[in-house]
Amino acid sequence: MQKLKSTNLRQLADELNAIDQECVDHNFEDGFDPQHLYDATSLPNFGGEEPEETLEIYSWDEKNFLRYDEGWNITPREEEGMKNQSTINENLPIPEIKDGKLNFILN
């Protein structure tokens, strides 16, 4: 297993993307999993609180999360909060006034 040298989240994303690209560049067969080069489930973290839900979050710092979607990407923590908020809002009843009365429609 390769020892990662990154000291921050941006370096980690770049390092992991470089390792993955190296696998592609050296014509590893289809389906090659670089997991024998690094363990994505044990990546270092760089400060900040651990998120409540870590599904699809592989590492983090105070302001960002590291995710994998066709490459290693950094997303701001605020986007996660907004995503959670929109999910909560989708489940709220919708107010409707009918015949002069306020009713709530459940989704």
PDB file of N, CA and C in Angstrom:
ATOM      1  N   MET A   1       0.858  -1.174   0.000  1.00  0.00           N
ATOM      2  CA  MET A   1       0.000   0.000   0.000  1.00  0.00           C
ATOM      3  C   MET A   1       0.907   1.240   0.000  1.00  0.00           C
ATOM      4  N   GLN A   2       0.536   2.189  -0.835  1.00  0.00           N
ATOM      5  CA  GLN A   2       1.322   3.410  -0.990  1.00  0.00           C
ATOM      6  C   GLN A   2       1.032   4.380   0.149  1.00  0.00           C
ATOM      7  N   LYS A   3       2.084   4.985   0.719  1.00  0.00           N
ATOM      8  CA  LYS A   3       1.893   5.976   1.775  1.00  0.00           C
ATOM      9  C   LYS A   3       1.600   7.324   1.128  1.00  0.00           C
ATOM     10  N   LEU A   4       0.481   7.920   1.518  1.00  0.00           N
ATOM     11  CA  LEU A   4       0.092   9.214   0.970  1.00  0.00           C
ATOM     12  C   LEU A   4       0.875  10.316   1.670  1.00  0.00           C
ATOM     13  N   LYS A   5       1.237  11.361   0.907  1.00  0.00           N
ATOM     14  CA  LYS A   5       2.094  12.427   1.433  1.00  0.00           C
ATOM     15  C   LYS A   5       1.355  13.738   1.687  1.00  0.00           C
ATOM     16  N   SER A   6       0.089  13.779   1.414  1.00  0.00           N
ATOM     17  CA  SER A   6      -0.691  15.017   1.479  1.00  0.00           C
ATOM     18  C   SER A   6      -0.755  15.585   2.887  1.00  0.00           C
ATOM     19  N   THR A   7      -0.730  16.936   2.955  1.00  0.00           N
ATOM     20  CA  THR A   7      -0.852  17.613   4.244  1.00  0.00           C
ATOM     21  C   THR A   7      -2.105  18.468   4.326  1.00  0.00           C
ATOM     22  N   ASN A   8      -2.925  18.461   3.247  1.00  0.00           N
ATOM     23  CA  ASN A   8      -4.212  19.153   3.276  1.00  0.00           C
ATOM     24  C   ASN A   8      -5.156  18.492   2.277  1.00  0.00           C
ATOM     25  N   LEU A   9      -6.400  18.886   2.315  1.00  0.00           N
ATOM     26  CA  LEU A   9      -7.432  18.222   1.510  1.00  0.00           C
ATOM     27  C   LEU A   9      -7.202  18.398   0.011  1.00  0.00           C
ATOM     28  N   ARG A  10      -6.801  19.586  -0.431  1.00  0.00           N
ATOM     29  CA  ARG A  10      -6.544  19.836  -1.853  1.00  0.00           C
ATOM     30  C   ARG A  10      -5.414  18.934  -2.341  1.00  0.00           C
ATOM     31  N   GLN A  11      -4.331  18.837  -1.561  1.00  0.00           N
ATOM     32  CA  GLN A  11      -3.222  17.961  -1.944  1.00  0.00           C
ATOM     33  C   GLN A  11      -3.672  16.508  -2.011  1.00  0.00           C
ATOM     34  N   LEU A  12      -4.516  16.103  -1.076  1.00  0.00           N
ATOM     35  CA  LEU A  12      -5.003  14.726  -1.067  1.00  0.00           C
ATOM     36  C   LEU A  12      -5.813  14.431  -2.329  1.00  0.00           C
ATOM     37  N   ALA A  13      -6.721  15.318  -2.698  1.00  0.00           N
ATOM     38  CA  ALA A  13      -7.506  15.123  -3.918  1.00  0.00           C
ATOM     39  C   ALA A  13      -6.589  15.029  -5.126  1.00  0.00           C
ATOM     40  N   ASP A  14      -5.620  15.928  -5.215  1.00  0.00           N
ATOM     41  CA  ASP A  14      -4.678  15.920  -6.341  1.00  0.00           C
ATOM     42  C   ASP A  14      -3.851  14.638  -6.372  1.00  0.00           C
ATOM     43  N   GLU A  15      -3.387  14.207  -5.197  1.00  0.00           N
ATOM     44  CA  GLU A  15      -2.566  13.001  -5.121  1.00  0.00           C
ATOM     45  C   GLU A  15      -3.364  11.756  -5.535  1.00  0.00           C
ATOM     46  N   LEU A  16      -4.590  11.642  -5.050  1.00  0.00           N
ATOM     47  CA  LEU A  16      -5.421  10.493  -5.404  1.00  0.00           C
ATOM     48  C   LEU A  16      -5.776  10.497  -6.893  1.00  0.00           C
ATOM     49  N   ASN A  17      -6.098  11.672  -7.435  1.00  0.00           N
ATOM     50  CA  ASN A  17      -6.389  11.771  -8.865  1.00  0.00           C
ATOM     51  C   ASN A  17      -5.164  11.415  -9.698  1.00  0.00           C
ATOM     52  N   ALA A  18      -3.970  11.806  -9.240  1.00  0.00           N
ATOM     53  CA  ALA A  18      -2.737  11.468  -9.955  1.00  0.00           C
ATOM     54  C   ALA A  18      -2.492   9.961  -9.946  1.00  0.00           C
ATOM     55  N   ILE A  19      -2.725   9.318  -8.809  1.00  0.00           N
ATOM     56  CA  ILE A  19      -2.564   7.864  -8.719  1.00  0.00           C
ATOM     57  C   ILE A  19      -3.546   7.179  -9.661  1.00  0.00           C
ATOM     58  N   ASP A  20      -4.802   7.613  -9.634  1.00  0.00           N
ATOM     59  CA  ASP A  20      -5.806   7.020 -10.513  1.00  0.00           C
ATOM     60  C   ASP A  20      -5.436   7.221 -11.977  1.00  0.00           C
ATOM     61  N   GLN A  21      -4.961   8.420 -12.324  1.00  0.00           N
ATOM     62  CA  GLN A  21      -4.584   8.700 -13.709  1.00  0.00           C
ATOM     63  C   GLN A  21      -3.389   7.857 -14.137  1.00  0.00           C
ATOM     64  N   GLU A  22      -2.458   7.658 -13.219  1.00  0.00           N
ATOM     65  CA  GLU A  22      -1.296   6.818 -13.513  1.00  0.00           C
ATOM     66  C   GLU A  22      -1.739   5.397 -13.862  1.00  0.00           C
ATOM     67  N   CYS A  23      -2.734   4.906 -13.155  1.00  0.00           N
ATOM     68  CA  CYS A  23      -3.269   3.575 -13.458  1.00  0.00           C
ATOM     69  C   CYS A  23      -3.826   3.544 -14.877  1.00  0.00           C
ATOM     70  N   VAL A  24      -4.539   4.589 -15.265  1.00  0.00           N
ATOM     71  CA  VAL A  24      -5.107   4.667 -16.614  1.00  0.00           C
ATOM     72  C   VAL A  24      -3.990   4.797 -17.644  1.00  0.00           C
ATOM     73  N   ASP A  25      -3.033   5.672 -17.373  1.00  0.00           N
ATOM     74  CA  ASP A  25      -1.936   5.926 -18.320  1.00  0.00           C
ATOM     75  C   ASP A  25      -1.098   4.685 -18.587  1.00  0.00           C
ATOM     76  N   HIS A  26      -0.991   3.822 -17.621  1.00  0.00           N
ATOM     77  CA  HIS A  26      -0.174   2.616 -17.782  1.00  0.00           C
ATOM     78  C   HIS A  26      -0.992   1.426 -18.271  1.00  0.00           C
ATOM     79  N   ASN A  27      -2.159   1.769 -18.824  1.00  0.00           N
ATOM     80  CA  ASN A  27      -3.000   0.759 -19.479  1.00  0.00           C
ATOM     81  C   ASN A  27      -3.345  -0.434 -18.588  1.00  0.00           C
ATOM     82  N   PHE A  28      -3.651  -0.146 -17.330  1.00  0.00           N
ATOM     83  CA  PHE A  28      -4.144  -1.234 -16.491  1.00  0.00           C
ATOM     84  C   PHE A  28      -5.453  -1.715 -17.085  1.00  0.00           C
ATOM     85  N   GLU A  29      -5.701  -2.984 -16.995  1.00  0.00           N
ATOM     86  CA  GLU A  29      -6.887  -3.549 -17.607  1.00  0.00           C
ATOM     87  C   GLU A  29      -8.155  -2.928 -17.029  1.00  0.00           C
ATOM     88  N   ASP A  30      -9.219  -2.972 -17.819  1.00  0.00           N
ATOM     89  CA  ASP A  30     -10.515  -2.445 -17.382  1.00  0.00           C
ATOM     90  C   ASP A  30     -10.911  -3.087 -16.065  1.00  0.00           C
ATOM     91  N   GLY A  31     -11.497  -2.282 -15.214  1.00  0.00           N
ATOM     92  CA  GLY A  31     -11.924  -2.795 -13.922  1.00  0.00           C
ATOM     93  C   GLY A  31     -10.818  -2.797 -12.879  1.00  0.00           C
ATOM     94  N   PHE A  32      -9.610  -2.333 -13.245  1.00  0.00           N
ATOM     95  CA  PHE A  32      -8.524  -2.279 -12.283  1.00  0.00           C
ATOM     96  C   PHE A  32      -8.906  -1.340 -11.148  1.00  0.00           C
ATOM     97  N   ASP A  33      -8.752  -1.794  -9.948  1.00  0.00           N
ATOM     98  CA  ASP A  33      -9.105  -1.012  -8.772  1.00  0.00           C
ATOM     99  C   ASP A  33      -7.829  -0.577  -8.071  1.00  0.00           C
ATOM    100  N   PRO A  34      -7.560   0.725  -8.013  1.00  0.00           N
ATOM    101  CA  PRO A  34      -6.329   1.189  -7.377  1.00  0.00           C
ATOM    102  C   PRO A  34      -6.331   1.025  -5.857  1.00  0.00           C
ATOM    103  N   GLN A  35      -7.329   0.328  -5.310  1.00  0.00           N
ATOM    104  CA  GLN A  35      -7.392   0.138  -3.861  1.00  0.00           C
ATOM    105  C   GLN A  35      -6.162  -0.576  -3.312  1.00  0.00           C
ATOM    106  N   HIS A  36      -5.447  -1.320  -4.141  1.00  0.00           N
ATOM    107  CA  HIS A  36      -4.227  -1.935  -3.608  1.00  0.00           C
ATOM    108  C   HIS A  36      -3.113  -0.887  -3.499  1.00  0.00           C
ATOM    109  N   LEU A  37      -3.334   0.300  -4.065  1.00  0.00           N
ATOM    110  CA  LEU A  37      -2.361   1.384  -3.961  1.00  0.00           C
ATOM    111  C   LEU A  37      -2.664   2.317  -2.792  1.00  0.00           C
ATOM    112  N   TYR A  38      -3.943   2.475  -2.472  1.00  0.00           N
ATOM    113  CA  TYR A  38      -4.362   3.263  -1.306  1.00  0.00           C
ATOM    114  C   TYR A  38      -5.705   2.732  -0.828  1.00  0.00           C
ATOM    115  N   ASP A  39      -6.017   2.981   0.427  1.00  0.00           N
ATOM    116  CA  ASP A  39      -7.280   2.531   1.008  1.00  0.00           C
ATOM    117  C   ASP A  39      -8.194   3.740   1.169  1.00  0.00           C
ATOM    118  N   ALA A  40      -9.189   3.869   0.300  1.00  0.00           N
ATOM    119  CA  ALA A  40     -10.090   5.022   0.321  1.00  0.00           C
ATOM    120  C   ALA A  40     -10.924   5.090   1.602  1.00  0.00           C
ATOM    121  N   THR A  41     -11.039   3.983   2.320  1.00  0.00           N
ATOM    122  CA  THR A  41     -11.824   3.999   3.563  1.00  0.00           C
ATOM    123  C   THR A  41     -11.014   4.465   4.758  1.00  0.00           C
ATOM    124  N   SER A  42      -9.710   4.689   4.562  1.00  0.00           N
ATOM    125  CA  SER A  42      -8.850   5.102   5.675  1.00  0.00           C
ATOM    126  C   SER A  42      -8.010   6.322   5.310  1.00  0.00           C
ATOM    127  N   LEU A  43      -8.606   7.261   4.598  1.00  0.00           N
ATOM    128  CA  LEU A  43      -7.868   8.466   4.212  1.00  0.00           C
ATOM    129  C   LEU A  43      -7.754   9.411   5.405  1.00  0.00           C
ATOM    130  N   PRO A  44      -6.697  10.225   5.435  1.00  0.00           N
ATOM    131  CA  PRO A  44      -6.546  11.165   6.552  1.00  0.00           C
ATOM    132  C   PRO A  44      -7.576  12.283   6.477  1.00  0.00           C
ATOM    133  N   ASN A  45      -7.864  12.881   7.619  1.00  0.00           N
ATOM    134  CA  ASN A  45      -8.734  14.057   7.708  1.00  0.00           C
ATOM    135  C   ASN A  45      -7.886  15.230   8.170  1.00  0.00           C
ATOM    136  N   PHE A  46      -8.347  16.448   7.878  1.00  0.00           N
ATOM    137  CA  PHE A  46      -7.515  17.624   8.115  1.00  0.00           C
ATOM    138  C   PHE A  46      -8.225  18.685   8.939  1.00  0.00           C
ATOM    139  N   GLY A  47      -8.890  18.257   9.989  1.00  0.00           N
ATOM    140  CA  GLY A  47      -9.532  19.192  10.909  1.00  0.00           C
ATOM    141  C   GLY A  47     -11.017  19.320  10.650  1.00  0.00           C
ATOM    142  N   GLY A  48     -11.670  20.059  11.503  1.00  0.00           N
ATOM    143  CA  GLY A  48     -13.110  20.216  11.411  1.00  0.00           C
ATOM    144  C   GLY A  48     -13.818  19.032  12.037  1.00  0.00           C
ATOM    145  N   GLU A  49     -15.099  19.242  12.315  1.00  0.00           N
ATOM    146  CA  GLU A  49     -15.889  18.181  12.931  1.00  0.00           C
ATOM    147  C   GLU A  49     -16.234  17.094  11.920  1.00  0.00           C
ATOM    148  N   GLU A  50     -16.293  15.865  12.404  1.00  0.00           N
ATOM    149  CA  GLU A  50     -16.720  14.763  11.549  1.00  0.00           C
ATOM    150  C   GLU A  50     -18.181  14.988  11.179  1.00  0.00           C
ATOM    151  N   PRO A  51     -18.518  14.844   9.893  1.00  0.00           N
ATOM    152  CA  PRO A  51     -19.919  15.021   9.512  1.00  0.00           C
ATOM    153  C   PRO A  51     -20.807  13.958  10.148  1.00  0.00           C
ATOM    154  N   GLU A  52     -22.079  14.310  10.377  1.00  0.00           N
ATOM    155  CA  GLU A  52     -23.018  13.355  10.963  1.00  0.00           C
ATOM    156  C   GLU A  52     -23.167  12.135  10.071  1.00  0.00           C
ATOM    157  N   GLU A  53     -23.220  12.360   8.771  1.00  0.00           N
ATOM    158  CA  GLU A  53     -23.368  11.277   7.794  1.00  0.00           C
ATOM    159  C   GLU A  53     -22.126  11.270   6.904  1.00  0.00           C
ATOM    160  N   THR A  54     -21.380  10.179   6.918  1.00  0.00           N
ATOM    161  CA  THR A  54     -20.142  10.118   6.139  1.00  0.00           C
ATOM    162  C   THR A  54     -20.278   9.303   4.861  1.00  0.00           C
ATOM    163  N   LEU A  55     -21.482   8.870   4.522  1.00  0.00           N
ATOM    164  CA  LEU A  55     -21.692   8.143   3.286  1.00  0.00           C
ATOM    165  C   LEU A  55     -21.256   9.016   2.112  1.00  0.00           C
ATOM    166  N   GLU A  56     -20.370   8.514   1.284  1.00  0.00           N
ATOM    167  CA  GLU A  56     -19.819   9.211   0.118  1.00  0.00           C
ATOM    168  C   GLU A  56     -18.880  10.360   0.486  1.00  0.00           C
ATOM    169  N   ILE A  57     -18.510  10.486   1.752  1.00  0.00           N
ATOM    170  CA  ILE A  57     -17.520  11.476   2.174  1.00  0.00           C
ATOM    171  C   ILE A  57     -16.308  10.693   2.661  1.00  0.00           C
ATOM    172  N   TYR A  58     -15.178  10.877   1.988  1.00  0.00           N
ATOM    173  CA  TYR A  58     -13.990  10.074   2.274  1.00  0.00           C
ATOM    174  C   TYR A  58     -12.989  10.795   3.163  1.00  0.00           C
ATOM    175  N   SER A  59     -13.027  12.125   3.158  1.00  0.00           N
ATOM    176  CA  SER A  59     -12.136  12.922   3.995  1.00  0.00           C
ATOM    177  C   SER A  59     -12.749  14.311   4.114  1.00  0.00           C
ATOM    178  N   TRP A  60     -12.185  15.139   5.004  1.00  0.00           N
ATOM    179  CA  TRP A  60     -12.713  16.484   5.185  1.00  0.00           C
ATOM    180  C   TRP A  60     -11.692  17.369   5.861  1.00  0.00           C
ATOM    181  N   ASP A  61     -11.972  18.681   5.785  1.00  0.00           N
ATOM    182  CA  ASP A  61     -11.271  19.664   6.597  1.00  0.00           C
ATOM    183  C   ASP A  61     -12.348  20.570   7.180  1.00  0.00           C
ATOM    184  N   GLU A  62     -11.963  21.726   7.713  1.00  0.00           N
ATOM    185  CA  GLU A  62     -12.949  22.587   8.365  1.00  0.00           C
ATOM    186  C   GLU A  62     -14.019  23.117   7.418  1.00  0.00           C
ATOM    187  N   LYS A  63     -13.679  23.280   6.129  1.00  0.00           N
ATOM    188  CA  LYS A  63     -14.610  23.922   5.203  1.00  0.00           C
ATOM    189  C   LYS A  63     -15.126  23.031   4.081  1.00  0.00           C
ATOM    190  N   ASN A  64     -14.502  21.871   3.857  1.00  0.00           N
ATOM    191  CA  ASN A  64     -14.810  21.069   2.675  1.00  0.00           C
ATOM    192  C   ASN A  64     -14.882  19.577   2.959  1.00  0.00           C
ATOM    193  N   PHE A  65     -15.494  18.853   2.000  1.00  0.00           N
ATOM    194  CA  PHE A  65     -15.532  17.397   2.001  1.00  0.00           C
ATOM    195  C   PHE A  65     -14.842  16.877   0.751  1.00  0.00           C
ATOM    196  N   LEU A  66     -14.247  15.699   0.858  1.00  0.00           N
ATOM    197  CA  LEU A  66     -13.674  15.006  -0.291  1.00  0.00           C
ATOM    198  C   LEU A  66     -14.630  13.885  -0.676  1.00  0.00           C
ATOM    199  N   ARG A  67     -15.062  13.892  -1.948  1.00  0.00           N
ATOM    200  CA  ARG A  67     -15.990  12.893  -2.466  1.00  0.00           C
ATOM    201  C   ARG A  67     -15.407  12.302  -3.739  1.00  0.00           C
ATOM    202  N   TYR A  68     -15.953  11.166  -4.142  1.00  0.00           N
ATOM    203  CA  TYR A  68     -15.535  10.567  -5.409  1.00  0.00           C
ATOM    204  C   TYR A  68     -16.729  10.497  -6.349  1.00  0.00           C
ATOM    205  N   ASP A  69     -16.589  11.124  -7.517  1.00  0.00           N
ATOM    206  CA  ASP A  69     -17.595  11.055  -8.568  1.00  0.00           C
ATOM    207  C   ASP A  69     -16.855  11.253  -9.886  1.00  0.00           C
ATOM    208  N   GLU A  70     -16.458  10.150 -10.501  1.00  0.00           N
ATOM    209  CA  GLU A  70     -15.636  10.174 -11.718  1.00  0.00           C
ATOM    210  C   GLU A  70     -14.348  10.955 -11.478  1.00  0.00           C
ATOM    211  N   GLY A  71     -13.790  10.820 -10.314  1.00  0.00           N
ATOM    212  CA  GLY A  71     -12.577  11.501  -9.885  1.00  0.00           C
ATOM    213  C   GLY A  71     -12.791  12.051  -8.486  1.00  0.00           C
ATOM    214  N   TRP A  72     -11.693  12.380  -7.821  1.00  0.00           N
ATOM    215  CA  TRP A  72     -11.760  12.916  -6.460  1.00  0.00           C
ATOM    216  C   TRP A  72     -12.064  14.399  -6.533  1.00  0.00           C
ATOM    217  N   ASN A  73     -13.130  14.833  -5.843  1.00  0.00           N
ATOM    218  CA  ASN A  73     -13.597  16.214  -5.888  1.00  0.00           C
ATOM    219  C   ASN A  73     -13.800  16.757  -4.488  1.00  0.00           C
ATOM    220  N   ILE A  74     -13.577  18.052  -4.364  1.00  0.00           N
ATOM    221  CA  ILE A  74     -13.808  18.744  -3.098  1.00  0.00           C
ATOM    222  C   ILE A  74     -15.095  19.545  -3.221  1.00  0.00           C
ATOM    223  N   THR A  75     -15.981  19.387  -2.234  1.00  0.00           N
ATOM    224  CA  THR A  75     -17.223  20.162  -2.199  1.00  0.00           C
ATOM    225  C   THR A  75     -17.302  20.911  -0.876  1.00  0.00           C
ATOM    226  N   PRO A  76     -17.772  22.155  -0.907  1.00  0.00           N
ATOM    227  CA  PRO A  76     -17.890  22.926   0.336  1.00  0.00           C
ATOM    228  C   PRO A  76     -18.904  22.299   1.290  1.00  0.00           C
ATOM    229  N   ARG A  77     -18.633  22.411   2.568  1.00  0.00           N
ATOM    230  CA  ARG A  77     -19.569  21.899   3.574  1.00  0.00           C
ATOM    231  C   ARG A  77     -20.928  22.589   3.469  1.00  0.00           C
ATOM    232  N   GLU A  78     -20.954  23.878   3.066  1.00  0.00           N
ATOM    233  CA  GLU A  78     -22.229  24.593   2.981  1.00  0.00           C
ATOM    234  C   GLU A  78     -23.173  23.897   2.015  1.00  0.00           C
ATOM    235  N   GLU A  79     -22.636  23.350   0.910  1.00  0.00           N
ATOM    236  CA  GLU A  79     -23.489  22.655  -0.052  1.00  0.00           C
ATOM    237  C   GLU A  79     -24.177  21.465   0.600  1.00  0.00           C
ATOM    238  N   GLU A  80     -23.493  20.776   1.491  1.00  0.00           N
ATOM    239  CA  GLU A  80     -24.087  19.644   2.194  1.00  0.00           C
ATOM    240  C   GLU A  80     -25.221  20.125   3.082  1.00  0.00           C
ATOM    241  N   GLY A  81     -24.992  21.250   3.768  1.00  0.00           N
ATOM    242  CA  GLY A  81     -26.038  21.805   4.623  1.00  0.00           C
ATOM    243  C   GLY A  81     -27.254  22.224   3.824  1.00  0.00           C
ATOM    244  N   MET A  82     -27.041  22.838   2.659  1.00  0.00           N
ATOM    245  CA  MET A  82     -28.154  23.243   1.808  1.00  0.00           C
ATOM    246  C   MET A  82     -28.886  22.028   1.267  1.00  0.00           C
ATOM    247  N   LYS A  83     -28.135  20.966   0.933  1.00  0.00           N
ATOM    248  CA  LYS A  83     -28.758  19.737   0.436  1.00  0.00           C
ATOM    249  C   LYS A  83     -29.660  19.160   1.522  1.00  0.00           C
ATOM    250  N   ASN A  84     -29.165  19.126   2.760  1.00  0.00           N
ATOM    251  CA  ASN A  84     -29.981  18.604   3.858  1.00  0.00           C
ATOM    252  C   ASN A  84     -31.208  19.475   4.083  1.00  0.00           C
ATOM    253  N   GLN A  85     -31.030  20.803   3.977  1.00  0.00           N
ATOM    254  CA  GLN A  85     -32.141  21.721   4.184  1.00  0.00           C
ATOM    255  C   GLN A  85     -33.214  21.524   3.117  1.00  0.00           C
ATOM    256  N   SER A  86     -32.808  21.354   1.857  1.00  0.00           N
ATOM    257  CA  SER A  86     -33.793  21.174   0.802  1.00  0.00           C
ATOM    258  C   SER A  86     -34.556  19.864   1.004  1.00  0.00           C
ATOM    259  N   THR A  87     -33.895  18.855   1.511  1.00  0.00           N
ATOM    260  CA  THR A  87     -34.569  17.592   1.785  1.00  0.00           C
ATOM    261  C   THR A  87     -35.613  17.787   2.876  1.00  0.00           C
ATOM    262  N   ILE A  88     -35.254  18.539   3.897  1.00  0.00           N
ATOM    263  CA  ILE A  88     -36.194  18.808   4.983  1.00  0.00           C
ATOM    264  C   ILE A  88     -37.381  19.588   4.445  1.00  0.00           C
ATOM    265  N   ASN A  89     -37.131  20.633   3.636  1.00  0.00           N
ATOM    266  CA  ASN A  89     -38.212  21.458   3.116  1.00  0.00           C
ATOM    267  C   ASN A  89     -39.143  20.679   2.205  1.00  0.00           C
ATOM    268  N   GLU A  90     -38.641  19.694   1.478  1.00  0.00           N
ATOM    269  CA  GLU A  90     -39.480  18.899   0.597  1.00  0.00           C
ATOM    270  C   GLU A  90     -40.524  18.107   1.377  1.00  0.00           C
ATOM    271  N   ASN A  91     -40.260  17.848   2.651  1.00  0.00           N
ATOM    272  CA  ASN A  91     -41.161  17.038   3.452  1.00  0.00           C
ATOM    273  C   ASN A  91     -42.168  17.870   4.245  1.00  0.00           C
ATOM    274  N   LEU A  92     -42.114  19.193   4.116  1.00  0.00           N
ATOM    275  CA  LEU A  92     -43.040  20.044   4.850  1.00  0.00           C
ATOM    276  C   LEU A  92     -44.382  20.094   4.132  1.00  0.00           C
ATOM    277  N   PRO A  93     -45.473  20.262   4.881  1.00  0.00           N
ATOM    278  CA  PRO A  93     -46.778  20.397   4.238  1.00  0.00           C
ATOM    279  C   PRO A  93     -46.854  21.713   3.455  1.00  0.00           C
ATOM    280  N   ILE A  94     -47.646  21.700   2.397  1.00  0.00           N
ATOM    281  CA  ILE A  94     -47.802  22.884   1.559  1.00  0.00           C
ATOM    282  C   ILE A  94     -49.102  23.579   1.961  1.00  0.00           C
ATOM    283  N   PRO A  95     -49.030  24.884   2.323  1.00  0.00           N
ATOM    284  CA  PRO A  95     -50.261  25.589   2.706  1.00  0.00           C
ATOM    285  C   PRO A  95     -51.123  25.885   1.477  1.00  0.00           C
ATOM    286  N   GLU A  96     -52.425  25.781   1.656  1.00  0.00           N
ATOM    287  CA  GLU A  96     -53.375  26.070   0.588  1.00  0.00           C
ATOM    288  C   GLU A  96     -54.605  26.725   1.206  1.00  0.00           C
ATOM    289  N   ILE A  97     -55.084  27.786   0.551  1.00  0.00           N
ATOM    290  CA  ILE A  97     -56.314  28.434   1.022  1.00  0.00           C
ATOM    291  C   ILE A  97     -57.438  28.009   0.085  1.00  0.00           C
ATOM    292  N   LYS A  98     -58.473  27.403   0.663  1.00  0.00           N
ATOM    293  CA  LYS A  98     -59.613  26.925  -0.116  1.00  0.00           C
ATOM    294  C   LYS A  98     -60.892  27.264   0.650  1.00  0.00           C
ATOM    295  N   ASP A  99     -61.803  27.909  -0.046  1.00  0.00           N
ATOM    296  CA  ASP A  99     -63.063  28.352   0.570  1.00  0.00           C
ATOM    297  C   ASP A  99     -62.803  29.211   1.799  1.00  0.00           C
ATOM    298  N   GLY A 100     -61.747  30.038   1.730  1.00  0.00           N
ATOM    299  CA  GLY A 100     -61.456  30.943   2.836  1.00  0.00           C
ATOM    300  C   GLY A 100     -60.809  30.273   4.027  1.00  0.00           C
ATOM    301  N   LYS A 101     -60.454  28.992   3.907  1.00  0.00           N
ATOM    302  CA  LYS A 101     -59.846  28.262   5.027  1.00  0.00           C
ATOM    303  C   LYS A 101     -58.438  27.838   4.640  1.00  0.00           C
ATOM    304  N   LEU A 102     -57.568  27.896   5.614  1.00  0.00           N
ATOM    305  CA  LEU A 102     -56.182  27.458   5.418  1.00  0.00           C
ATOM    306  C   LEU A 102     -56.093  25.959   5.652  1.00  0.00           C
ATOM    307  N   ASN A 103     -55.617  25.259   4.660  1.00  0.00           N
ATOM    308  CA  ASN A 103     -55.401  23.802   4.749  1.00  0.00           C
ATOM    309  C   ASN A 103     -53.940  23.505   4.431  1.00  0.00           C
ATOM    310  N   PHE A 104     -53.484  22.362   4.868  1.00  0.00           N
ATOM    311  CA  PHE A 104     -52.126  21.927   4.559  1.00  0.00           C
ATOM    312  C   PHE A 104     -52.179  20.608   3.802  1.00  0.00           C
ATOM    313  N   ILE A 105     -51.454  20.585   2.688  1.00  0.00           N
ATOM    314  CA  ILE A 105     -51.380  19.385   1.859  1.00  0.00           C
ATOM    315  C   ILE A 105     -50.074  18.690   2.184  1.00  0.00           C
ATOM    316  N   LEU A 106     -50.149  17.422   2.518  1.00  0.00           N
ATOM    317  CA  LEU A 106     -48.948  16.658   2.814  1.00  0.00           C
ATOM    318  C   LEU A 106     -48.390  16.060   1.532  1.00  0.00           C
ATOM    319  N   ASN A 107     -47.062  16.077   1.417  1.00  0.00           N
ATOM    320  CA  ASN A 107     -46.405  15.485   0.234  1.00  0.00           C
ATOM    321  C   ASN A 107     -46.485  13.988   0.284  1.00  0.00           C
TER     322      ASN A 107
END
